[in-house]
Every structure is written in C-alpha cells, then in structure tokens.
Amino acid sequence: MVSFKNEVYDRLKWLVLIFLPAFSGLVAGLGNLYGVANIEVYVGTVNILTAFFGGLLQVSSRNYHDGDDGSGGSQVRSMTPVPVEDESTADSVGEAILIKGGVMVDC
C-alpha cells in the first residue's frame, strides 16, 4: 500500500504535474534546436518517469480517500454557487459527484 505524507505528496504532485512535463518540453525543444542525437530517448525517459510517478500519486490518493463512501471513491461537492431565490435548483446544492476509477458520475 503506497501512502505519502501530505508534504511529500504535494511536492511529488508539483513535480509530476508542473515540472516534469515542462522539463520534457524543454529537453525536446533544446535537443532539436542543438541537434542532439536520439533526443527522443531522453524525452521518452522523462515521460516514462512522469507516468510512473503519476501512477504512484494516484495509488496514494486512492488509499488516502478509500472508504469515504464505502465504494472506494471520493465525494467532491459542487463549487457552483446556487442562488437561494431559485427554488428549482435548491435541492441540487447538496448533490455530490462520485469519482471512481477516473470517471465522474452524478449522484
């Protein structure tokens, strides 16, 4: 079971979502600009590492949220403000979205 402390998770998340994709683009661009041989090997390596760390983060996130609703998913409340005077949507304020296996489903 993979589980990270919040600080480690936040740093890895930044690394995977921000740094590594930007670094991959930088390596590809500069490699092509300067004519580095087999640049696709280096870019592919960075992309494979990005996918690997992304998988670890997903497992860690799933382990952290496991059991929130008994289905292995997590519930995320809608962030859309609903006017109080609009009674037709007042009942939908408390609706949640179930995220399971990367698919969002209205509950």
N, C-alpha and C. Protein backbone atom coordinates (compact mmCIF):
# COMPACT_ATOMS: atom_id res chain seq x y z
N MET A 1 0.85 -1.17 0.00
CA MET A 1 0.00 0.00 0.00
C MET A 1 0.90 1.24 0.00
N VAL A 2 0.72 2.10 -1.00
CA VAL A 2 1.50 3.32 -1.12
C VAL A 2 0.72 4.47 -0.52
N SER A 3 1.36 5.16 0.41
CA SER A 3 0.73 6.32 1.03
C SER A 3 1.84 7.29 1.41
N PHE A 4 1.66 8.56 1.06
CA PHE A 4 2.66 9.58 1.35
C PHE A 4 2.13 10.56 2.37
N LYS A 5 3.05 11.18 3.11
CA LYS A 5 2.66 12.29 3.98
C LYS A 5 2.24 13.45 3.08
N ASN A 6 1.45 14.38 3.61
CA ASN A 6 0.93 15.50 2.81
C ASN A 6 2.03 16.30 2.14
N GLU A 7 3.11 16.59 2.85
CA GLU A 7 4.19 17.40 2.28
C GLU A 7 4.87 16.67 1.12
N VAL A 8 5.12 15.38 1.28
CA VAL A 8 5.73 14.59 0.21
C VAL A 8 4.78 14.50 -0.98
N TYR A 9 3.50 14.27 -0.70
CA TYR A 9 2.50 14.19 -1.77
C TYR A 9 2.44 15.51 -2.55
N ASP A 10 2.41 16.64 -1.84
CA ASP A 10 2.34 17.94 -2.52
C ASP A 10 3.56 18.19 -3.38
N ARG A 11 4.73 17.83 -2.90
CA ARG A 11 5.96 18.02 -3.70
C ARG A 11 5.98 17.11 -4.92
N LEU A 12 5.59 15.86 -4.74
CA LEU A 12 5.54 14.95 -5.89
C LEU A 12 4.48 15.37 -6.90
N LYS A 13 3.35 15.86 -6.40
CA LYS A 13 2.30 16.34 -7.29
C LYS A 13 2.80 17.50 -8.14
N TRP A 14 3.52 18.45 -7.53
CA TRP A 14 4.09 19.57 -8.28
C TRP A 14 5.10 19.04 -9.30
N LEU A 15 5.93 18.10 -8.88
CA LEU A 15 6.94 17.53 -9.77
C LEU A 15 6.28 16.89 -10.99
N VAL A 16 5.24 16.09 -10.76
CA VAL A 16 4.59 15.33 -11.84
C VAL A 16 3.72 16.22 -12.72
N LEU A 17 2.98 17.15 -12.12
CA LEU A 17 2.03 17.95 -12.90
C LEU A 17 2.64 19.20 -13.53
N ILE A 18 3.68 19.76 -12.92
CA ILE A 18 4.24 21.02 -13.40
C ILE A 18 5.64 20.83 -13.98
N PHE A 19 6.56 20.35 -13.16
CA PHE A 19 7.97 20.35 -13.54
C PHE A 19 8.30 19.37 -14.66
N LEU A 20 7.97 18.08 -14.48
CA LEU A 20 8.40 17.08 -15.45
C LEU A 20 7.84 17.30 -16.86
N PRO A 21 6.55 17.66 -17.02
CA PRO A 21 6.10 17.95 -18.40
C PRO A 21 6.81 19.16 -19.00
N ALA A 22 7.05 20.20 -18.19
CA ALA A 22 7.77 21.37 -18.70
C ALA A 22 9.22 21.00 -19.04
N PHE A 23 9.84 20.20 -18.21
CA PHE A 23 11.21 19.76 -18.45
C PHE A 23 11.29 18.92 -19.71
N SER A 24 10.31 18.06 -19.93
CA SER A 24 10.26 17.24 -21.14
C SER A 24 10.20 18.11 -22.39
N GLY A 25 9.36 19.14 -22.34
CA GLY A 25 9.27 20.06 -23.47
C GLY A 25 10.57 20.83 -23.68
N LEU A 26 11.21 21.22 -22.59
CA LEU A 26 12.49 21.92 -22.68
C LEU A 26 13.56 21.04 -23.31
N VAL A 27 13.65 19.80 -22.86
CA VAL A 27 14.63 18.86 -23.40
C VAL A 27 14.37 18.62 -24.89
N ALA A 28 13.10 18.42 -25.25
CA ALA A 28 12.76 18.18 -26.66
C ALA A 28 13.11 19.39 -27.52
N GLY A 29 12.72 20.57 -27.05
CA GLY A 29 12.98 21.79 -27.83
C GLY A 29 14.46 22.08 -27.99
N LEU A 30 15.18 22.06 -26.88
CA LEU A 30 16.62 22.35 -26.95
C LEU A 30 17.37 21.25 -27.69
N GLY A 31 16.96 20.00 -27.50
CA GLY A 31 17.61 18.89 -28.19
C GLY A 31 17.47 19.01 -29.70
N ASN A 32 16.28 19.37 -30.16
CA ASN A 32 16.08 19.56 -31.60
C ASN A 32 16.81 20.79 -32.10
N LEU A 33 16.81 21.85 -31.31
CA LEU A 33 17.49 23.09 -31.70
C LEU A 33 18.98 22.88 -31.86
N TYR A 34 19.59 22.15 -30.95
CA TYR A 34 21.04 21.94 -30.98
C TYR A 34 21.44 20.64 -31.67
N GLY A 35 20.49 19.90 -32.21
CA GLY A 35 20.78 18.69 -32.98
C GLY A 35 21.32 17.54 -32.16
N VAL A 36 20.83 17.37 -30.94
CA VAL A 36 21.26 16.25 -30.10
C VAL A 36 20.73 14.95 -30.71
N ALA A 37 21.64 14.00 -30.88
CA ALA A 37 21.25 12.71 -31.47
C ALA A 37 20.37 11.94 -30.50
N ASN A 38 19.38 11.27 -31.02
CA ASN A 38 18.47 10.42 -30.24
C ASN A 38 17.78 11.17 -29.10
N ILE A 39 17.39 12.40 -29.34
CA ILE A 39 16.74 13.20 -28.30
C ILE A 39 15.44 12.55 -27.83
N GLU A 40 14.79 11.80 -28.70
CA GLU A 40 13.52 11.16 -28.31
C GLU A 40 13.72 10.14 -27.19
N VAL A 41 14.93 9.58 -27.06
CA VAL A 41 15.22 8.65 -25.96
C VAL A 41 15.18 9.40 -24.63
N TYR A 42 15.76 10.58 -24.59
CA TYR A 42 15.79 11.37 -23.36
C TYR A 42 14.38 11.88 -23.01
N VAL A 43 13.67 12.36 -24.01
CA VAL A 43 12.31 12.85 -23.78
C VAL A 43 11.41 11.70 -23.35
N GLY A 44 11.55 10.57 -24.00
CA GLY A 44 10.76 9.39 -23.63
C GLY A 44 11.05 8.94 -22.20
N THR A 45 12.30 9.03 -21.79
CA THR A 45 12.66 8.67 -20.41
C THR A 45 11.97 9.58 -19.41
N VAL A 46 12.00 10.88 -19.66
CA VAL A 46 11.33 11.84 -18.77
C VAL A 46 9.83 11.56 -18.74
N ASN A 47 9.23 11.28 -19.88
CA ASN A 47 7.78 11.00 -19.94
C ASN A 47 7.42 9.70 -19.22
N ILE A 48 8.27 8.69 -19.32
CA ILE A 48 8.02 7.43 -18.61
C ILE A 48 8.10 7.66 -17.11
N LEU A 49 9.09 8.43 -16.65
CA LEU A 49 9.19 8.75 -15.23
C LEU A 49 7.97 9.54 -14.75
N THR A 50 7.49 10.45 -15.60
CA THR A 50 6.30 11.23 -15.26
C THR A 50 5.09 10.30 -15.09
N ALA A 51 4.92 9.36 -16.00
CA ALA A 51 3.81 8.41 -15.90
C ALA A 51 3.94 7.52 -14.66
N PHE A 52 5.16 7.09 -14.35
CA PHE A 52 5.39 6.25 -13.18
C PHE A 52 5.03 6.99 -11.90
N PHE A 53 5.55 8.21 -11.73
CA PHE A 53 5.25 8.99 -10.53
C PHE A 53 3.77 9.37 -10.46
N GLY A 54 3.16 9.61 -11.61
CA GLY A 54 1.72 9.89 -11.64
C GLY A 54 0.92 8.70 -11.15
N GLY A 55 1.34 7.50 -11.52
CA GLY A 55 0.68 6.29 -11.04
C GLY A 55 0.82 6.13 -9.54
N LEU A 56 2.01 6.41 -9.00
CA LEU A 56 2.21 6.34 -7.55
C LEU A 56 1.32 7.35 -6.83
N LEU A 57 1.20 8.54 -7.41
CA LEU A 57 0.35 9.55 -6.79
C LEU A 57 -1.11 9.13 -6.80
N GLN A 58 -1.56 8.50 -7.88
CA GLN A 58 -2.95 8.05 -7.96
C GLN A 58 -3.22 6.97 -6.92
N VAL A 59 -2.29 6.04 -6.77
CA VAL A 59 -2.46 4.98 -5.77
C VAL A 59 -2.48 5.58 -4.37
N SER A 60 -1.57 6.53 -4.11
CA SER A 60 -1.54 7.18 -2.80
C SER A 60 -2.83 7.94 -2.54
N SER A 61 -3.31 8.66 -3.54
CA SER A 61 -4.55 9.42 -3.39
C SER A 61 -5.73 8.48 -3.15
N ARG A 62 -5.79 7.39 -3.88
CA ARG A 62 -6.87 6.43 -3.73
C ARG A 62 -6.84 5.80 -2.33
N ASN A 63 -5.64 5.46 -1.84
CA ASN A 63 -5.51 4.90 -0.49
C ASN A 63 -5.93 5.92 0.57
N TYR A 64 -5.62 7.18 0.34
CA TYR A 64 -5.99 8.23 1.29
C TYR A 64 -7.50 8.42 1.36
N HIS A 65 -8.15 8.37 0.19
CA HIS A 65 -9.59 8.61 0.13
C HIS A 65 -10.42 7.34 0.23
N ASP A 66 -9.78 6.19 0.29
CA ASP A 66 -10.51 4.92 0.32
C ASP A 66 -11.43 4.86 1.53
N GLY A 67 -12.67 4.50 1.27
CA GLY A 67 -13.63 4.32 2.35
C GLY A 67 -14.46 5.54 2.66
N ASP A 68 -14.31 6.65 1.92
CA ASP A 68 -15.11 7.84 2.20
C ASP A 68 -16.60 7.55 2.10
N ASP A 69 -16.99 6.78 1.08
CA ASP A 69 -18.40 6.48 0.90
C ASP A 69 -18.64 4.98 0.78
N GLY A 70 -17.64 4.19 1.10
CA GLY A 70 -17.78 2.75 1.06
C GLY A 70 -17.61 2.14 -0.31
N SER A 71 -17.39 2.96 -1.35
CA SER A 71 -17.25 2.41 -2.70
C SER A 71 -15.84 2.56 -3.25
N GLY A 72 -14.92 3.09 -2.44
CA GLY A 72 -13.56 3.28 -2.91
C GLY A 72 -13.38 4.59 -3.66
N GLY A 73 -14.43 5.37 -3.82
CA GLY A 73 -14.33 6.66 -4.48
C GLY A 73 -14.33 7.77 -3.45
N SER A 74 -14.29 8.99 -3.92
CA SER A 74 -14.37 10.11 -3.00
C SER A 74 -15.46 11.05 -3.49
N GLN A 75 -16.09 11.73 -2.58
CA GLN A 75 -17.15 12.65 -2.95
C GLN A 75 -16.62 14.06 -2.96
N VAL A 76 -16.90 14.78 -4.03
CA VAL A 76 -16.49 16.16 -4.18
C VAL A 76 -17.75 17.00 -4.30
N ARG A 77 -17.91 17.98 -3.45
CA ARG A 77 -19.08 18.85 -3.50
C ARG A 77 -18.94 19.83 -4.66
N SER A 78 -20.06 20.16 -5.27
CA SER A 78 -20.07 21.11 -6.36
C SER A 78 -19.66 22.48 -5.85
N MET A 79 -18.82 23.18 -6.61
CA MET A 79 -18.36 24.50 -6.23
C MET A 79 -19.19 25.60 -6.89
N THR A 80 -20.23 25.22 -7.64
CA THR A 80 -21.06 26.20 -8.33
C THR A 80 -22.06 26.82 -7.35
N PRO A 81 -22.01 28.15 -7.17
CA PRO A 81 -22.97 28.76 -6.26
C PRO A 81 -24.39 28.71 -6.85
N VAL A 82 -25.36 28.44 -6.01
CA VAL A 82 -26.75 28.37 -6.44
C VAL A 82 -27.50 29.48 -5.72
N PRO A 83 -28.18 30.36 -6.47
CA PRO A 83 -28.94 31.43 -5.82
C PRO A 83 -30.05 30.86 -4.93
N VAL A 84 -30.25 31.47 -3.79
CA VAL A 84 -31.24 31.00 -2.83
C VAL A 84 -32.65 31.17 -3.38
N GLU A 85 -32.89 32.25 -4.11
CA GLU A 85 -34.25 32.50 -4.60
C GLU A 85 -34.67 31.57 -5.73
N ASP A 86 -33.73 30.83 -6.34
CA ASP A 86 -34.06 29.89 -7.40
C ASP A 86 -34.37 28.53 -6.76
N GLU A 87 -35.65 28.28 -6.46
CA GLU A 87 -36.04 27.07 -5.74
C GLU A 87 -35.94 25.81 -6.59
N SER A 88 -35.91 25.95 -7.91
CA SER A 88 -35.85 24.76 -8.76
C SER A 88 -34.51 24.04 -8.62
N THR A 89 -33.45 24.77 -8.26
CA THR A 89 -32.14 24.13 -8.11
C THR A 89 -31.71 24.03 -6.66
N ALA A 90 -32.55 24.47 -5.74
CA ALA A 90 -32.17 24.47 -4.32
C ALA A 90 -31.91 23.07 -3.81
N ASP A 91 -32.63 22.06 -4.33
CA ASP A 91 -32.43 20.69 -3.87
C ASP A 91 -31.12 20.10 -4.38
N SER A 92 -30.56 20.65 -5.46
CA SER A 92 -29.35 20.08 -6.03
C SER A 92 -28.07 20.62 -5.41
N VAL A 93 -28.17 21.54 -4.46
CA VAL A 93 -26.99 22.11 -3.84
C VAL A 93 -26.18 21.04 -3.14
N GLY A 94 -26.83 20.12 -2.47
CA GLY A 94 -26.14 19.09 -1.71
C GLY A 94 -25.72 17.88 -2.53
N GLU A 95 -26.00 17.87 -3.83
CA GLU A 95 -25.62 16.72 -4.64
C GLU A 95 -24.10 16.61 -4.71
N ALA A 96 -23.63 15.41 -4.82
CA ALA A 96 -22.20 15.17 -4.90
C ALA A 96 -21.88 14.45 -6.21
N ILE A 97 -20.62 14.48 -6.56
CA ILE A 97 -20.13 13.76 -7.72
C ILE A 97 -19.25 12.64 -7.20
N LEU A 98 -19.51 11.42 -7.61
CA LEU A 98 -18.72 10.27 -7.20
C LEU A 98 -17.61 10.08 -8.21
N ILE A 99 -16.38 10.10 -7.74
CA ILE A 99 -15.24 9.88 -8.60
C ILE A 99 -14.71 8.48 -8.32
N LYS A 100 -14.79 7.62 -9.31
CA LYS A 100 -14.35 6.24 -9.13
C LYS A 100 -13.70 5.77 -10.42
N GLY A 101 -12.47 5.35 -10.32
CA GLY A 101 -11.77 4.84 -11.49
C GLY A 101 -11.56 5.90 -12.56
N GLY A 102 -11.45 7.17 -12.18
CA GLY A 102 -11.19 8.23 -13.11
C GLY A 102 -12.43 8.73 -13.84
N VAL A 103 -13.63 8.25 -13.45
CA VAL A 103 -14.86 8.64 -14.11
C VAL A 103 -15.74 9.38 -13.10
N MET A 104 -16.26 10.55 -13.48
CA MET A 104 -17.15 11.29 -12.60
C MET A 104 -18.59 10.96 -12.94
N VAL A 105 -19.37 10.66 -11.92
CA VAL A 105 -20.77 10.28 -12.08
C VAL A 105 -21.60 11.11 -11.14
N ASP A 106 -22.68 11.72 -11.63
CA ASP A 106 -23.59 12.45 -10.74
C ASP A 106 -24.33 11.48 -9.87
N CYS A 107 -24.47 11.84 -8.59
CA CYS A 107 -25.21 11.00 -7.65
C CYS A 107 -26.59 11.54 -7.43
